[in-house]
Amino acid sequence: MTLTARDVATSVFGAYRLARFDPAGLQFIDRTPEGALKSFYAAVLVLPAYALLLAIRLIDQGIEAPLMQVVLVEGIAYVVNWTAFPLALHRVAALLDRSGRYSGAVAANNWAAVVQMGAYLPAVVLSKIGLLPDGVGSALVFGVMLAMMTYQWFVLRTALEVNGPTAAALVMLDLFLSALIGDFADNLL
């Protein structure tokens, strides 16, 4: 299960095309079961940006837990967060009679996270460094978050070939799981 730089570039390009609401972006993503497994390497690509966002959040919240505790708790939460939705989606895809499209949906959703982070990190940094007037930074972050959810909705709707409300419910499921995992981790710090 070797992942080459070309595989990564092709998959991220496919995710970029999906971000432009082009369903043909799926053609650039390996939607086989092996491709779905390889797509979890996207978590490695996103990790540095996630660590920066985590540091910003912990400073904002005034959390002063020991560094090892933060690394351990947040590291486990990161892995659980990357796997919770795909595990839930496995069951949901079966219930929706979309098991044959499950691998492609996982791969597309994972590679989409790279594109999402490419938009979210700059928005948060711009909001936090004080270059934007009061309220504008928060509005920017909120707008980017809405765009990210819309993008994920399109990815799941396209990859699973489900209707809009079903894709919206899946986005809400992912959001719920992420919030649950994040809150649990925060309570351990």
N, C-alpha and C. Protein backbone atom coordinates (compact mmCIF):
# COMPACT_ATOMS: atom_id res chain seq x y z
N MET A 1 0.84 -1.18 0.00
CA MET A 1 0.00 0.00 0.00
C MET A 1 0.89 1.24 0.00
N THR A 2 1.57 1.44 -1.10
CA THR A 2 2.46 2.58 -1.23
C THR A 2 1.71 3.77 -1.80
N LEU A 3 1.92 4.92 -1.21
CA LEU A 3 1.32 6.15 -1.68
C LEU A 3 2.43 7.03 -2.22
N THR A 4 2.33 7.42 -3.48
CA THR A 4 3.36 8.25 -4.09
C THR A 4 2.94 9.71 -4.04
N ALA A 5 3.91 10.58 -4.28
CA ALA A 5 3.62 12.02 -4.35
C ALA A 5 2.63 12.29 -5.48
N ARG A 6 2.72 11.53 -6.55
CA ARG A 6 1.78 11.69 -7.66
C ARG A 6 0.36 11.33 -7.23
N ASP A 7 0.23 10.24 -6.44
CA ASP A 7 -1.09 9.85 -5.92
C ASP A 7 -1.69 10.97 -5.08
N VAL A 8 -0.86 11.55 -4.22
CA VAL A 8 -1.33 12.64 -3.35
C VAL A 8 -1.76 13.83 -4.21
N ALA A 9 -0.91 14.22 -5.14
CA ALA A 9 -1.23 15.39 -5.98
C ALA A 9 -2.50 15.15 -6.78
N THR A 10 -2.65 13.97 -7.34
CA THR A 10 -3.84 13.66 -8.12
C THR A 10 -5.10 13.68 -7.25
N SER A 11 -4.99 13.11 -6.06
CA SER A 11 -6.15 13.07 -5.16
C SER A 11 -6.53 14.47 -4.67
N VAL A 12 -5.54 15.27 -4.32
CA VAL A 12 -5.83 16.64 -3.88
C VAL A 12 -6.40 17.45 -5.04
N PHE A 13 -5.90 17.21 -6.26
CA PHE A 13 -6.48 17.89 -7.42
C PHE A 13 -7.94 17.49 -7.59
N GLY A 14 -8.23 16.22 -7.42
CA GLY A 14 -9.62 15.77 -7.50
C GLY A 14 -10.49 16.43 -6.45
N ALA A 15 -9.95 16.55 -5.23
CA ALA A 15 -10.68 17.23 -4.15
C ALA A 15 -10.89 18.70 -4.49
N TYR A 16 -9.88 19.31 -5.08
CA TYR A 16 -10.01 20.72 -5.53
C TYR A 16 -11.12 20.85 -6.57
N ARG A 17 -11.16 19.93 -7.51
CA ARG A 17 -12.22 19.97 -8.53
C ARG A 17 -13.59 19.82 -7.89
N LEU A 18 -13.69 18.94 -6.90
CA LEU A 18 -14.95 18.79 -6.17
C LEU A 18 -15.31 20.09 -5.45
N ALA A 19 -14.31 20.81 -4.95
CA ALA A 19 -14.56 22.08 -4.28
C ALA A 19 -15.13 23.12 -5.25
N ARG A 20 -14.90 22.91 -6.50
CA ARG A 20 -15.48 23.79 -7.53
C ARG A 20 -16.82 23.23 -8.02
N PHE A 21 -17.35 22.28 -7.26
CA PHE A 21 -18.63 21.62 -7.56
C PHE A 21 -18.61 20.93 -8.92
N ASP A 22 -17.48 20.33 -9.22
CA ASP A 22 -17.31 19.55 -10.44
C ASP A 22 -17.29 18.07 -10.07
N PRO A 23 -18.38 17.35 -10.37
CA PRO A 23 -18.43 15.93 -10.01
C PRO A 23 -17.32 15.10 -10.67
N ALA A 24 -16.74 15.60 -11.76
CA ALA A 24 -15.66 14.88 -12.42
C ALA A 24 -14.42 14.79 -11.54
N GLY A 25 -14.37 15.58 -10.46
CA GLY A 25 -13.25 15.48 -9.53
C GLY A 25 -13.09 14.09 -8.95
N LEU A 26 -14.19 13.36 -8.85
CA LEU A 26 -14.12 11.99 -8.33
C LEU A 26 -13.23 11.10 -9.18
N GLN A 27 -13.12 11.39 -10.47
CA GLN A 27 -12.31 10.57 -11.36
C GLN A 27 -10.83 10.59 -10.99
N PHE A 28 -10.41 11.62 -10.24
CA PHE A 28 -9.01 11.76 -9.87
C PHE A 28 -8.69 11.13 -8.52
N ILE A 29 -9.71 10.59 -7.87
CA ILE A 29 -9.54 10.00 -6.54
C ILE A 29 -9.70 8.49 -6.65
N ASP A 30 -8.74 7.76 -6.08
CA ASP A 30 -8.80 6.30 -6.08
C ASP A 30 -9.93 5.89 -5.13
N ARG A 31 -11.01 5.36 -5.69
CA ARG A 31 -12.21 5.04 -4.90
C ARG A 31 -12.32 3.56 -4.56
N THR A 32 -11.21 2.85 -4.70
CA THR A 32 -11.19 1.44 -4.32
C THR A 32 -11.01 1.33 -2.81
N PRO A 33 -11.24 0.14 -2.24
CA PRO A 33 -10.98 -0.02 -0.80
C PRO A 33 -9.53 0.34 -0.42
N GLU A 34 -8.58 -0.03 -1.27
CA GLU A 34 -7.18 0.34 -1.00
C GLU A 34 -7.00 1.86 -1.09
N GLY A 35 -7.68 2.49 -2.03
CA GLY A 35 -7.61 3.94 -2.15
C GLY A 35 -8.20 4.63 -0.93
N ALA A 36 -9.26 4.05 -0.38
CA ALA A 36 -9.85 4.61 0.85
C ALA A 36 -8.85 4.52 2.00
N LEU A 37 -8.17 3.40 2.11
CA LEU A 37 -7.15 3.27 3.16
C LEU A 37 -6.02 4.27 2.96
N LYS A 38 -5.56 4.40 1.72
CA LYS A 38 -4.49 5.36 1.43
C LYS A 38 -4.91 6.80 1.73
N SER A 39 -6.19 7.08 1.59
CA SER A 39 -6.66 8.45 1.80
C SER A 39 -6.49 8.92 3.24
N PHE A 40 -6.28 8.00 4.15
CA PHE A 40 -6.05 8.41 5.54
C PHE A 40 -4.69 9.07 5.71
N TYR A 41 -3.83 8.99 4.70
CA TYR A 41 -2.58 9.76 4.72
C TYR A 41 -2.88 11.26 4.67
N ALA A 42 -4.08 11.62 4.25
CA ALA A 42 -4.47 13.03 4.28
C ALA A 42 -4.39 13.57 5.70
N ALA A 43 -4.61 12.72 6.68
CA ALA A 43 -4.51 13.15 8.08
C ALA A 43 -3.10 13.62 8.41
N VAL A 44 -2.11 13.00 7.78
CA VAL A 44 -0.72 13.40 7.99
C VAL A 44 -0.47 14.76 7.36
N LEU A 45 -1.04 14.99 6.18
CA LEU A 45 -0.88 16.28 5.51
C LEU A 45 -1.54 17.41 6.30
N VAL A 46 -2.66 17.12 6.90
CA VAL A 46 -3.43 18.13 7.62
C VAL A 46 -2.88 18.38 9.02
N LEU A 47 -2.14 17.43 9.56
CA LEU A 47 -1.70 17.48 10.96
C LEU A 47 -0.96 18.78 11.35
N PRO A 48 0.01 19.27 10.57
CA PRO A 48 0.68 20.50 11.01
C PRO A 48 -0.29 21.69 11.13
N ALA A 49 -1.19 21.82 10.19
CA ALA A 49 -2.17 22.91 10.27
C ALA A 49 -3.10 22.71 11.45
N TYR A 50 -3.50 21.47 11.68
CA TYR A 50 -4.35 21.17 12.83
C TYR A 50 -3.64 21.52 14.14
N ALA A 51 -2.35 21.20 14.23
CA ALA A 51 -1.58 21.50 15.44
C ALA A 51 -1.53 23.01 15.68
N LEU A 52 -1.38 23.79 14.62
CA LEU A 52 -1.39 25.25 14.77
C LEU A 52 -2.76 25.74 15.23
N LEU A 53 -3.82 25.22 14.64
CA LEU A 53 -5.18 25.60 15.06
C LEU A 53 -5.44 25.19 16.51
N LEU A 54 -4.94 24.03 16.88
CA LEU A 54 -5.09 23.56 18.26
C LEU A 54 -4.38 24.50 19.23
N ALA A 55 -3.16 24.89 18.89
CA ALA A 55 -2.42 25.82 19.75
C ALA A 55 -3.16 27.14 19.90
N ILE A 56 -3.71 27.65 18.82
CA ILE A 56 -4.49 28.89 18.87
C ILE A 56 -5.69 28.72 19.79
N ARG A 57 -6.39 27.61 19.64
CA ARG A 57 -7.58 27.35 20.45
C ARG A 57 -7.24 27.20 21.93
N LEU A 58 -6.18 26.47 22.23
CA LEU A 58 -5.80 26.25 23.63
C LEU A 58 -5.36 27.56 24.29
N ILE A 59 -4.67 28.40 23.54
CA ILE A 59 -4.27 29.71 24.08
C ILE A 59 -5.50 30.56 24.33
N ASP A 60 -6.44 30.57 23.36
CA ASP A 60 -7.68 31.34 23.52
C ASP A 60 -8.48 30.89 24.74
N GLN A 61 -8.49 29.59 24.98
CA GLN A 61 -9.26 29.04 26.09
C GLN A 61 -8.50 29.10 27.42
N GLY A 62 -7.23 29.47 27.37
CA GLY A 62 -6.44 29.57 28.59
C GLY A 62 -6.13 28.23 29.23
N ILE A 63 -6.08 27.18 28.44
CA ILE A 63 -5.79 25.85 28.98
C ILE A 63 -4.29 25.76 29.24
N GLU A 64 -3.94 25.38 30.46
CA GLU A 64 -2.53 25.32 30.85
C GLU A 64 -2.14 23.92 31.28
N ALA A 65 -2.70 22.92 30.66
CA ALA A 65 -2.37 21.53 30.99
C ALA A 65 -0.92 21.25 30.59
N PRO A 66 -0.29 20.27 31.24
CA PRO A 66 1.08 19.89 30.85
C PRO A 66 1.12 19.48 29.36
N LEU A 67 2.23 19.82 28.73
CA LEU A 67 2.38 19.56 27.29
C LEU A 67 2.15 18.10 26.94
N MET A 68 2.70 17.18 27.74
CA MET A 68 2.52 15.75 27.42
C MET A 68 1.06 15.35 27.48
N GLN A 69 0.32 15.90 28.42
CA GLN A 69 -1.11 15.60 28.53
C GLN A 69 -1.85 16.12 27.31
N VAL A 70 -1.52 17.33 26.88
CA VAL A 70 -2.17 17.91 25.69
C VAL A 70 -1.85 17.06 24.46
N VAL A 71 -0.58 16.71 24.29
CA VAL A 71 -0.18 15.92 23.12
C VAL A 71 -0.88 14.56 23.12
N LEU A 72 -0.92 13.91 24.26
CA LEU A 72 -1.54 12.58 24.35
C LEU A 72 -3.05 12.66 24.10
N VAL A 73 -3.72 13.52 24.82
CA VAL A 73 -5.18 13.62 24.71
C VAL A 73 -5.58 14.09 23.30
N GLU A 74 -4.96 15.14 22.83
CA GLU A 74 -5.34 15.67 21.52
C GLU A 74 -4.88 14.76 20.38
N GLY A 75 -3.77 14.05 20.57
CA GLY A 75 -3.33 13.10 19.55
C GLY A 75 -4.31 11.95 19.39
N ILE A 76 -4.77 11.42 20.51
CA ILE A 76 -5.77 10.35 20.46
C ILE A 76 -7.07 10.88 19.86
N ALA A 77 -7.48 12.07 20.28
CA ALA A 77 -8.71 12.67 19.75
C ALA A 77 -8.61 12.88 18.24
N TYR A 78 -7.43 13.25 17.76
CA TYR A 78 -7.23 13.48 16.32
C TYR A 78 -7.45 12.17 15.55
N VAL A 79 -6.87 11.10 16.04
CA VAL A 79 -7.02 9.80 15.37
C VAL A 79 -8.48 9.34 15.43
N VAL A 80 -9.10 9.46 16.59
CA VAL A 80 -10.50 9.05 16.74
C VAL A 80 -11.38 9.89 15.82
N ASN A 81 -11.09 11.18 15.74
CA ASN A 81 -11.89 12.07 14.89
C ASN A 81 -11.79 11.66 13.41
N TRP A 82 -10.60 11.26 12.99
CA TRP A 82 -10.42 10.86 11.60
C TRP A 82 -11.09 9.52 11.28
N THR A 83 -11.35 8.71 12.30
CA THR A 83 -11.91 7.38 12.04
C THR A 83 -13.39 7.25 12.41
N ALA A 84 -13.90 8.13 13.27
CA ALA A 84 -15.28 7.99 13.74
C ALA A 84 -16.30 8.10 12.60
N PHE A 85 -16.17 9.14 11.78
CA PHE A 85 -17.15 9.31 10.71
C PHE A 85 -17.07 8.18 9.68
N PRO A 86 -15.88 7.79 9.22
CA PRO A 86 -15.84 6.65 8.29
C PRO A 86 -16.47 5.38 8.88
N LEU A 87 -16.28 5.15 10.18
CA LEU A 87 -16.89 3.97 10.78
C LEU A 87 -18.42 4.10 10.79
N ALA A 88 -18.92 5.27 11.17
CA ALA A 88 -20.37 5.48 11.16
C ALA A 88 -20.91 5.41 9.73
N LEU A 89 -20.16 5.98 8.79
CA LEU A 89 -20.59 5.98 7.39
C LEU A 89 -20.69 4.57 6.84
N HIS A 90 -19.84 3.67 7.32
CA HIS A 90 -19.90 2.28 6.86
C HIS A 90 -21.29 1.69 7.10
N ARG A 91 -21.81 1.92 8.29
CA ARG A 91 -23.15 1.40 8.63
C ARG A 91 -24.24 2.16 7.87
N VAL A 92 -24.10 3.47 7.82
CA VAL A 92 -25.11 4.29 7.14
C VAL A 92 -25.15 3.95 5.65
N ALA A 93 -24.00 3.78 5.04
CA ALA A 93 -23.96 3.43 3.61
C ALA A 93 -24.69 2.12 3.36
N ALA A 94 -24.53 1.16 4.25
CA ALA A 94 -25.23 -0.12 4.11
C ALA A 94 -26.74 0.09 4.24
N LEU A 95 -27.15 0.90 5.20
CA LEU A 95 -28.58 1.18 5.38
C LEU A 95 -29.18 1.89 4.16
N LEU A 96 -28.37 2.70 3.51
CA LEU A 96 -28.83 3.45 2.33
C LEU A 96 -28.65 2.65 1.03
N ASP A 97 -28.19 1.42 1.15
CA ASP A 97 -27.90 0.58 -0.01
C ASP A 97 -26.85 1.24 -0.91
N ARG A 98 -25.83 1.80 -0.28
CA ARG A 98 -24.73 2.47 -1.00
C ARG A 98 -23.37 1.89 -0.61
N SER A 99 -23.37 0.65 -0.15
CA SER A 99 -22.11 0.02 0.28
C SER A 99 -21.07 0.01 -0.82
N GLY A 100 -21.49 -0.15 -2.05
CA GLY A 100 -20.56 -0.16 -3.18
C GLY A 100 -19.89 1.17 -3.42
N ARG A 101 -20.42 2.24 -2.87
CA ARG A 101 -19.85 3.57 -3.05
C ARG A 101 -19.14 4.07 -1.78
N TYR A 102 -19.14 3.22 -0.76
CA TYR A 102 -18.57 3.60 0.53
C TYR A 102 -17.08 3.98 0.42
N SER A 103 -16.27 3.15 -0.20
CA SER A 103 -14.83 3.40 -0.29
C SER A 103 -14.55 4.73 -0.98
N GLY A 104 -15.28 4.99 -2.04
CA GLY A 104 -15.09 6.26 -2.76
C GLY A 104 -15.49 7.46 -1.92
N ALA A 105 -16.54 7.29 -1.14
CA ALA A 105 -16.99 8.39 -0.28
C ALA A 105 -15.96 8.68 0.81
N VAL A 106 -15.40 7.64 1.39
CA VAL A 106 -14.37 7.84 2.42
C VAL A 106 -13.15 8.51 1.81
N ALA A 107 -12.70 8.02 0.67
CA ALA A 107 -11.52 8.60 0.03
C ALA A 107 -11.76 10.06 -0.34
N ALA A 108 -12.89 10.35 -0.95
CA ALA A 108 -13.18 11.73 -1.36
C ALA A 108 -13.30 12.64 -0.14
N ASN A 109 -13.96 12.17 0.90
CA ASN A 109 -14.13 12.98 2.11
C ASN A 109 -12.78 13.24 2.79
N ASN A 110 -11.92 12.24 2.83
CA ASN A 110 -10.60 12.41 3.45
C ASN A 110 -9.74 13.40 2.68
N TRP A 111 -9.69 13.25 1.35
CA TRP A 111 -8.87 14.18 0.57
C TRP A 111 -9.48 15.58 0.58
N ALA A 112 -10.78 15.68 0.70
CA ALA A 112 -11.42 16.99 0.80
C ALA A 112 -10.96 17.74 2.05
N ALA A 113 -10.59 17.01 3.08
CA ALA A 113 -10.12 17.65 4.32
C ALA A 113 -8.86 18.48 4.07
N VAL A 114 -8.04 18.08 3.12
CA VAL A 114 -6.83 18.84 2.79
C VAL A 114 -7.23 20.20 2.21
N VAL A 115 -8.18 20.18 1.29
CA VAL A 115 -8.66 21.43 0.69
C VAL A 115 -9.35 22.30 1.74
N GLN A 116 -10.15 21.67 2.59
CA GLN A 116 -10.84 22.42 3.64
C GLN A 116 -9.85 23.12 4.56
N MET A 117 -8.82 22.41 4.96
CA MET A 117 -7.83 23.02 5.84
C MET A 117 -7.10 24.16 5.15
N GLY A 118 -6.92 24.03 3.84
CA GLY A 118 -6.28 25.10 3.08
C GLY A 118 -7.08 26.38 3.07
N ALA A 119 -8.37 26.29 3.30
CA ALA A 119 -9.21 27.48 3.40
C ALA A 119 -9.40 27.92 4.85
N TYR A 120 -9.54 26.96 5.74
CA TYR A 120 -9.88 27.26 7.14
C TYR A 120 -8.71 27.88 7.91
N LEU A 121 -7.52 27.33 7.75
CA LEU A 121 -6.37 27.84 8.50
C LEU A 121 -6.11 29.32 8.21
N PRO A 122 -6.03 29.74 6.95
CA PRO A 122 -5.81 31.18 6.71
C PRO A 122 -6.92 32.06 7.29
N ALA A 123 -8.16 31.58 7.24
CA ALA A 123 -9.26 32.38 7.79
C ALA A 123 -9.10 32.56 9.29
N VAL A 124 -8.73 31.49 10.00
CA VAL A 124 -8.55 31.58 11.45
C VAL A 124 -7.36 32.48 11.78
N VAL A 125 -6.27 32.31 11.07
CA VAL A 125 -5.07 33.13 11.33
C VAL A 125 -5.38 34.60 11.08
N LEU A 126 -6.03 34.90 9.97
CA LEU A 126 -6.41 36.30 9.69
C LEU A 126 -7.32 36.85 10.78
N SER A 127 -8.20 36.02 11.27
CA SER A 127 -9.11 36.45 12.33
C SER A 127 -8.37 36.73 13.63
N LYS A 128 -7.34 35.96 13.92
CA LYS A 128 -6.65 36.05 15.21
C LYS A 128 -5.54 37.10 15.26
N ILE A 129 -4.95 37.45 14.13
CA ILE A 129 -3.79 38.36 14.19
C ILE A 129 -4.18 39.83 14.27
N GLY A 130 -5.45 40.13 14.17
CA GLY A 130 -5.90 41.50 14.39
C GLY A 130 -5.83 42.43 13.19
N LEU A 131 -5.62 41.89 12.01
CA LEU A 131 -5.60 42.74 10.81
C LEU A 131 -6.99 43.14 10.35
N LEU A 132 -7.98 42.36 10.76
CA LEU A 132 -9.35 42.63 10.32
C LEU A 132 -10.12 43.36 11.42
N PRO A 133 -11.04 44.23 11.04
CA PRO A 133 -11.84 44.93 12.05
C PRO A 133 -12.66 43.94 12.89
N ASP A 134 -13.05 44.41 14.09
CA ASP A 134 -13.85 43.58 14.99
C ASP A 134 -15.06 43.02 14.26
N GLY A 135 -15.30 41.77 14.45
CA GLY A 135 -16.45 41.12 13.85
C GLY A 135 -16.20 40.59 12.45
N VAL A 136 -15.33 41.23 11.70
CA VAL A 136 -15.07 40.79 10.32
C VAL A 136 -14.34 39.45 10.33
N GLY A 137 -13.37 39.30 11.24
CA GLY A 137 -12.64 38.04 11.35
C GLY A 137 -13.55 36.88 11.71
N SER A 138 -14.43 37.13 12.68
CA SER A 138 -15.38 36.08 13.07
C SER A 138 -16.33 35.74 11.93
N ALA A 139 -16.77 36.77 11.22
CA ALA A 139 -17.67 36.54 10.08
C ALA A 139 -16.95 35.75 8.98
N LEU A 140 -15.66 36.05 8.77
CA LEU A 140 -14.88 35.33 7.78
C LEU A 140 -14.78 33.85 8.15
N VAL A 141 -14.44 33.56 9.41
CA VAL A 141 -14.32 32.18 9.86
C VAL A 141 -15.66 31.47 9.73
N PHE A 142 -16.74 32.13 10.13
CA PHE A 142 -18.07 31.54 10.03
C PHE A 142 -18.42 31.25 8.55
N GLY A 143 -18.12 32.18 7.68
CA GLY A 143 -18.39 31.98 6.26
C GLY A 143 -17.60 30.82 5.67
N VAL A 144 -16.34 30.71 6.08
CA VAL A 144 -15.51 29.60 5.60
C VAL A 144 -16.05 28.27 6.13
N MET A 145 -16.50 28.26 7.39
CA MET A 145 -17.08 27.04 7.94
C MET A 145 -18.33 26.62 7.17
N LEU A 146 -19.18 27.58 6.84
CA LEU A 146 -20.37 27.27 6.03
C LEU A 146 -19.98 26.73 4.66
N ALA A 147 -18.97 27.35 4.06
CA ALA A 147 -18.49 26.88 2.76
C ALA A 147 -17.93 25.47 2.86
N MET A 148 -17.22 25.17 3.95
CA MET A 148 -16.66 23.83 4.15
C MET A 148 -17.77 22.79 4.29
N MET A 149 -18.83 23.13 5.01
CA MET A 149 -19.94 22.19 5.16
C MET A 149 -20.67 21.99 3.84
N THR A 150 -20.80 23.06 3.07
CA THR A 150 -21.43 22.95 1.75
C THR A 150 -20.58 22.07 0.84
N TYR A 151 -19.28 22.24 0.91
CA TYR A 151 -18.35 21.44 0.13
C TYR A 151 -18.45 19.97 0.53
N GLN A 152 -18.45 19.69 1.82
CA GLN A 152 -18.56 18.30 2.27
C GLN A 152 -19.90 17.71 1.84
N TRP A 153 -20.95 18.51 1.89
CA TRP A 153 -22.27 18.07 1.43
C TRP A 153 -22.18 17.63 -0.04
N PHE A 154 -21.53 18.44 -0.87
CA PHE A 154 -21.40 18.11 -2.29
C PHE A 154 -20.57 16.84 -2.48
N VAL A 155 -19.47 16.74 -1.73
CA VAL A 155 -18.61 15.55 -1.84
C VAL A 155 -19.39 14.29 -1.51
N LEU A 156 -20.10 14.30 -0.39
CA LEU A 156 -20.84 13.10 0.02
C LEU A 156 -22.02 12.81 -0.91
N ARG A 157 -22.71 13.85 -1.33
CA ARG A 157 -23.84 13.66 -2.25
C ARG A 157 -23.35 13.05 -3.56
N THR A 158 -22.22 13.55 -4.04
CA THR A 158 -21.67 13.07 -5.31
C THR A 158 -21.08 11.67 -5.18
N ALA A 159 -20.28 11.46 -4.14
CA ALA A 159 -19.58 10.18 -4.00
C ALA A 159 -20.55 9.03 -3.68
N LEU A 160 -21.58 9.31 -2.88
CA LEU A 160 -22.53 8.26 -2.52
C LEU A 160 -23.74 8.19 -3.45
N GLU A 161 -23.89 9.21 -4.27
CA GLU A 161 -25.08 9.34 -5.14
C GLU A 161 -26.35 9.28 -4.30
N VAL A 162 -26.42 10.19 -3.32
CA VAL A 162 -27.61 10.32 -2.48
C VAL A 162 -28.23 11.69 -2.72
N ASN A 163 -29.45 11.86 -2.22
CA ASN A 163 -30.11 13.16 -2.41
C ASN A 163 -29.53 14.19 -1.44
N GLY A 164 -29.90 15.44 -1.66
CA GLY A 164 -29.38 16.54 -0.86
C GLY A 164 -29.65 16.44 0.63
N PRO A 165 -30.90 16.17 1.03
CA PRO A 165 -31.15 16.05 2.47
C PRO A 165 -30.37 14.92 3.14
N THR A 166 -30.18 13.82 2.45
CA THR A 166 -29.39 12.72 3.03
C THR A 166 -27.94 13.14 3.21
N ALA A 167 -27.39 13.81 2.19
CA ALA A 167 -26.01 14.31 2.31
C ALA A 167 -25.90 15.33 3.44
N ALA A 168 -26.91 16.18 3.59
CA ALA A 168 -26.90 17.17 4.68
C ALA A 168 -26.92 16.47 6.04
N ALA A 169 -27.70 15.42 6.16
CA ALA A 169 -27.74 14.66 7.41
C ALA A 169 -26.38 14.04 7.71
N LEU A 170 -25.69 13.58 6.69
CA LEU A 170 -24.36 13.00 6.88
C LEU A 170 -23.36 14.06 7.35
N VAL A 171 -23.45 15.25 6.79
CA VAL A 171 -22.58 16.34 7.22
C VAL A 171 -22.85 16.66 8.69
N MET A 172 -24.12 16.68 9.06
CA MET A 172 -24.47 16.95 10.46
C MET A 172 -23.98 15.83 11.38
N LEU A 173 -24.03 14.59 10.90
CA LEU A 173 -23.50 13.47 11.69
C LEU A 173 -22.01 13.66 11.92
N ASP A 174 -21.27 14.01 10.89
CA ASP A 174 -19.83 14.24 11.02
C ASP A 174 -19.56 15.40 11.98
N LEU A 175 -20.31 16.47 11.85
CA LEU A 175 -20.15 17.63 12.73
C LEU A 175 -20.44 17.24 14.19
N PHE A 176 -21.49 16.47 14.41
CA PHE A 176 -21.85 16.02 15.75
C PHE A 176 -20.73 15.16 16.34
N LEU A 177 -20.24 14.20 15.57
CA LEU A 177 -19.17 13.32 16.07
C LEU A 177 -17.92 14.13 16.40
N SER A 178 -17.56 15.07 15.53
CA SER A 178 -16.38 15.90 15.78
C SER A 178 -16.54 16.73 17.04
N ALA A 179 -17.72 17.32 17.22
CA ALA A 179 -17.97 18.13 18.42
C ALA A 179 -17.92 17.26 19.67
N LEU A 180 -18.51 16.09 19.60
CA LEU A 180 -18.53 15.18 20.74
C LEU A 180 -17.11 14.77 21.14
N ILE A 181 -16.31 14.40 20.16
CA ILE A 181 -14.93 13.99 20.41
C ILE A 181 -14.12 15.16 20.94
N GLY A 182 -14.28 16.33 20.34
CA GLY A 182 -13.55 17.51 20.78
C GLY A 182 -13.90 17.92 22.20
N ASP A 183 -15.19 17.90 22.52
CA ASP A 183 -15.61 18.26 23.88
C ASP A 183 -15.08 17.26 24.90
N PHE A 184 -15.12 15.98 24.55
CA PHE A 184 -14.60 14.96 25.46
C PHE A 184 -13.11 15.18 25.71
N ALA A 185 -12.36 15.46 24.64
CA ALA A 185 -10.93 15.69 24.77
C ALA A 185 -10.66 16.94 25.61
N ASP A 186 -11.40 18.01 25.36
CA ASP A 186 -11.21 19.25 26.12
C ASP A 186 -11.47 19.03 27.61
N ASN A 187 -12.41 18.18 27.93
CA ASN A 187 -12.71 17.92 29.34
C ASN A 187 -11.62 17.12 30.04
N LEU A 188 -10.74 16.50 29.25
CA LEU A 188 -9.62 15.75 29.82
C LEU A 188 -8.40 16.63 30.06
N LEU A 189 -8.47 17.87 29.62
CA LEU A 189 -7.32 18.77 29.78
C LEU A 189 -7.49 19.65 31.01
